[in-house]
Amino acid sequence: MICVDASVVAKWLFPEEHSDEALALVANSVQAGQRIVAPTPLPIEVTNIVRQRMLRDGLSLGQARRLLGQYHAFSVTISTPEELSERALALADAHNLPAVYDAHYVALAEMLECELWTSDRRLLRALGGRLPFVKWLGDYTRGEP
């Protein structure tokens, strides 16, 4: 099992730096039979990313809807354990994170004892390497589960 955040999912939908690694991560995880999980904020964040691309890049509503359809085609299980928000708040406080939505991804990966893959450099800087299960997408090597 792996956990992904919206920064990784965005790379599934939009060709940008580390998109190849993001697509390899999902393909290899599926091939290895690993479940991909994320907390409740993921679909909201992905929808917001698509909306921002509409505003910034001029995507039409039809194009945006197709991108959301592509997102839904990926098999990501939304998981919200009972104590997730409480743990996310504690992690945000412990690591001085300005927003708890990032901490929800960290908390979920911690609670499920799996890796969290992210390309959010701001989150990685804030954590300062103190949580080794949080992985930078740029370090992903193809063929890893």
Foldseek 3Di string as FASTA:
>chain_A
DEEEAQQLLVLCQDPDPLVVLSVLVLVLCVVVVHAYEYEPCRLVVNLVVLVVCCVVVVDDPVNSVVSSVVSVVRGYHHDDPPCLQVQLVVVCVVLVPPDSNVSSRVSVCVVVVAAYEHQPVVVCVSCVCVDVSYHYSVPRDRPDD
